[in-house]
């Protein structure tokens, strides 16, 4: 384990937990991304909701 990891994780551990291993993360291009149907839908921003609402009333005319 890199010494840097020993110093940065302890503040995030709960009492009684210990860090066993930490490693660098990089995306593996051989693995597929999560399909859109399985992702958690994002909540639209207030601006997006207003724009969609306004467009919805324009299309209904």
N, C-alpha and C. Protein backbone atom coordinates (compact mmCIF):
# COMPACT_ATOMS: atom_id res chain seq x y z
N UNK A 1 0.84 -1.17 0.00
CA UNK A 1 0.00 0.00 0.00
C UNK A 1 0.89 1.23 0.00
N UNK A 2 0.47 2.21 -0.78
CA UNK A 2 1.25 3.44 -0.84
C UNK A 2 1.14 4.20 0.48
N UNK A 3 2.22 4.81 0.93
CA UNK A 3 2.17 5.57 2.19
C UNK A 3 1.11 6.67 2.16
N UNK A 4 0.89 7.26 0.99
CA UNK A 4 -0.11 8.31 0.88
C UNK A 4 -1.50 7.81 1.29
N UNK A 5 -1.81 6.58 0.93
CA UNK A 5 -3.11 6.02 1.27
C UNK A 5 -3.28 5.86 2.77
N UNK A 6 -2.22 5.52 3.46
CA UNK A 6 -2.30 5.35 4.91
C UNK A 6 -2.72 6.65 5.59
N UNK A 7 -2.33 7.77 5.02
CA UNK A 7 -2.59 9.06 5.65
C UNK A 7 -3.95 9.66 5.29
N UNK A 8 -4.51 9.31 4.12
CA UNK A 8 -5.71 10.01 3.68
C UNK A 8 -7.01 9.29 4.05
N UNK A 9 -7.00 7.99 4.32
CA UNK A 9 -8.24 7.29 4.58
C UNK A 9 -8.70 7.24 6.04
N UNK A 10 -7.83 7.24 7.03
CA UNK A 10 -8.28 7.10 8.42
C UNK A 10 -9.40 8.07 8.85
N UNK A 11 -9.44 9.31 8.38
CA UNK A 11 -10.56 10.18 8.81
C UNK A 11 -11.93 9.66 8.37
N UNK A 12 -11.98 8.83 7.34
CA UNK A 12 -13.25 8.34 6.81
C UNK A 12 -13.66 6.98 7.39
N UNK A 13 -12.80 6.37 8.19
CA UNK A 13 -13.12 5.07 8.77
C UNK A 13 -13.96 5.24 10.03
N UNK A 14 -14.92 4.33 10.22
CA UNK A 14 -15.74 4.32 11.42
C UNK A 14 -14.94 3.68 12.56
N UNK A 15 -15.32 3.94 13.81
CA UNK A 15 -14.62 3.30 14.93
C UNK A 15 -14.66 1.78 14.80
N UNK A 16 -13.51 1.16 14.94
CA UNK A 16 -13.39 -0.28 14.81
C UNK A 16 -13.05 -0.75 13.41
N UNK A 17 -13.16 0.11 12.40
CA UNK A 17 -12.80 -0.28 11.04
C UNK A 17 -11.31 -0.08 10.82
N UNK A 18 -10.74 -0.86 9.94
CA UNK A 18 -9.35 -0.66 9.58
C UNK A 18 -9.20 -0.84 8.07
N UNK A 19 -8.28 -0.12 7.51
CA UNK A 19 -8.02 -0.19 6.08
C UNK A 19 -7.11 -1.38 5.81
N UNK A 20 -7.59 -2.32 5.01
CA UNK A 20 -6.80 -3.50 4.71
C UNK A 20 -5.99 -3.30 3.44
N UNK A 21 -6.63 -2.77 2.39
CA UNK A 21 -5.93 -2.56 1.13
C UNK A 21 -6.56 -1.37 0.41
N UNK A 22 -5.78 -0.66 -0.34
CA UNK A 22 -6.25 0.43 -1.19
C UNK A 22 -5.42 0.38 -2.46
N UNK A 23 -6.07 0.64 -3.57
CA UNK A 23 -5.34 0.61 -4.83
C UNK A 23 -5.85 1.71 -5.74
N UNK A 24 -5.08 2.01 -6.75
CA UNK A 24 -5.48 3.01 -7.73
C UNK A 24 -6.64 2.47 -8.55
N UNK A 25 -7.48 3.36 -9.02
CA UNK A 25 -8.62 2.97 -9.85
C UNK A 25 -8.45 3.55 -11.23
N UNK A 26 -8.71 2.75 -12.22
CA UNK A 26 -8.79 3.25 -13.59
C UNK A 26 -9.84 2.42 -14.31
N UNK A 27 -10.55 3.04 -15.21
CA UNK A 27 -11.62 2.35 -15.93
C UNK A 27 -11.01 1.30 -16.86
N UNK A 28 -11.58 0.13 -16.84
CA UNK A 28 -11.14 -0.94 -17.71
C UNK A 28 -11.95 -0.87 -19.00
N UNK A 29 -11.30 -0.55 -20.10
CA UNK A 29 -12.00 -0.39 -21.37
C UNK A 29 -12.64 -1.70 -21.85
N UNK A 30 -12.20 -2.82 -21.33
CA UNK A 30 -12.75 -4.10 -21.74
C UNK A 30 -14.11 -4.38 -21.08
N UNK A 31 -14.43 -3.66 -20.00
CA UNK A 31 -15.70 -3.86 -19.32
C UNK A 31 -16.74 -2.89 -19.87
N UNK A 32 -17.96 -3.35 -20.05
CA UNK A 32 -19.01 -2.46 -20.58
C UNK A 32 -19.48 -1.47 -19.51
N UNK A 33 -19.99 -0.36 -19.97
CA UNK A 33 -20.59 0.61 -19.06
C UNK A 33 -21.95 0.07 -18.62
N UNK A 34 -22.48 0.62 -17.55
CA UNK A 34 -23.80 0.21 -17.07
C UNK A 34 -24.84 0.68 -18.09
N UNK A 35 -25.72 -0.22 -18.54
CA UNK A 35 -26.75 0.18 -19.50
C UNK A 35 -27.66 1.28 -18.93
N UNK A 36 -28.16 2.13 -19.80
CA UNK A 36 -28.99 3.25 -19.36
C UNK A 36 -30.20 2.79 -18.56
N UNK A 37 -30.77 1.65 -18.91
CA UNK A 37 -31.94 1.17 -18.20
C UNK A 37 -31.66 0.75 -16.77
N UNK A 38 -30.41 0.49 -16.44
CA UNK A 38 -30.05 0.07 -15.09
C UNK A 38 -29.50 1.20 -14.24
N UNK A 39 -29.25 2.35 -14.85
CA UNK A 39 -28.72 3.50 -14.09
C UNK A 39 -29.84 4.16 -13.30
N UNK A 40 -29.48 4.78 -12.20
CA UNK A 40 -30.44 5.54 -11.42
C UNK A 40 -30.76 6.81 -12.18
N UNK A 41 -32.06 7.08 -12.41
CA UNK A 41 -32.38 8.30 -13.16
C UNK A 41 -32.00 9.54 -12.36
N UNK A 42 -31.47 10.50 -13.06
CA UNK A 42 -31.07 11.74 -12.38
C UNK A 42 -32.31 12.61 -12.20
N UNK A 43 -32.29 13.43 -11.17
CA UNK A 43 -33.41 14.33 -10.95
C UNK A 43 -33.16 15.60 -11.77
N UNK A 44 -34.16 16.04 -12.54
CA UNK A 44 -33.96 17.24 -13.35
C UNK A 44 -33.82 18.48 -12.47
N UNK A 45 -33.03 19.41 -12.94
CA UNK A 45 -32.83 20.65 -12.19
C UNK A 45 -34.11 21.49 -12.27
N UNK A 46 -34.26 22.46 -11.37
CA UNK A 46 -35.45 23.32 -11.44
C UNK A 46 -35.56 24.04 -12.78
N UNK A 47 -34.43 24.45 -13.35
CA UNK A 47 -34.46 25.12 -14.65
C UNK A 47 -34.96 24.16 -15.73
N UNK A 48 -34.46 22.93 -15.71
CA UNK A 48 -34.90 21.95 -16.69
C UNK A 48 -36.39 21.67 -16.55
N UNK A 49 -36.89 21.61 -15.33
CA UNK A 49 -38.32 21.38 -15.12
C UNK A 49 -39.14 22.53 -15.69
N UNK A 50 -38.69 23.78 -15.48
CA UNK A 50 -39.42 24.94 -16.02
C UNK A 50 -39.43 24.92 -17.53
N UNK A 51 -38.25 24.62 -18.14
CA UNK A 51 -38.16 24.60 -19.60
C UNK A 51 -39.05 23.50 -20.17
N UNK A 52 -38.99 22.31 -19.58
CA UNK A 52 -39.84 21.22 -20.06
C UNK A 52 -41.32 21.55 -19.89
N UNK A 53 -41.66 22.21 -18.80
CA UNK A 53 -43.05 22.62 -18.58
C UNK A 53 -43.50 23.62 -19.62
N UNK A 54 -42.64 24.59 -19.94
CA UNK A 54 -42.99 25.60 -20.94
C UNK A 54 -43.10 24.97 -22.33
N UNK A 55 -42.20 24.07 -22.65
CA UNK A 55 -42.26 23.41 -23.96
C UNK A 55 -43.50 22.51 -24.06
N UNK A 56 -43.86 21.91 -22.94
CA UNK A 56 -45.05 21.06 -22.94
C UNK A 56 -46.30 21.86 -23.25
N UNK A 57 -46.41 23.09 -22.71
CA UNK A 57 -47.60 23.90 -22.98
C UNK A 57 -47.57 24.45 -24.40
N UNK A 58 -46.39 24.70 -24.95
CA UNK A 58 -46.30 25.18 -26.34
C UNK A 58 -46.72 24.07 -27.32
N UNK A 59 -46.33 22.86 -27.04
CA UNK A 59 -46.65 21.75 -27.95
C UNK A 59 -48.13 21.39 -27.87
N UNK A 60 -48.76 21.70 -26.74
CA UNK A 60 -50.18 21.32 -26.58
C UNK A 60 -51.10 22.25 -27.36
N UNK A 61 -50.64 23.42 -27.79
CA UNK A 61 -51.49 24.39 -28.51
C UNK A 61 -51.85 23.93 -29.87
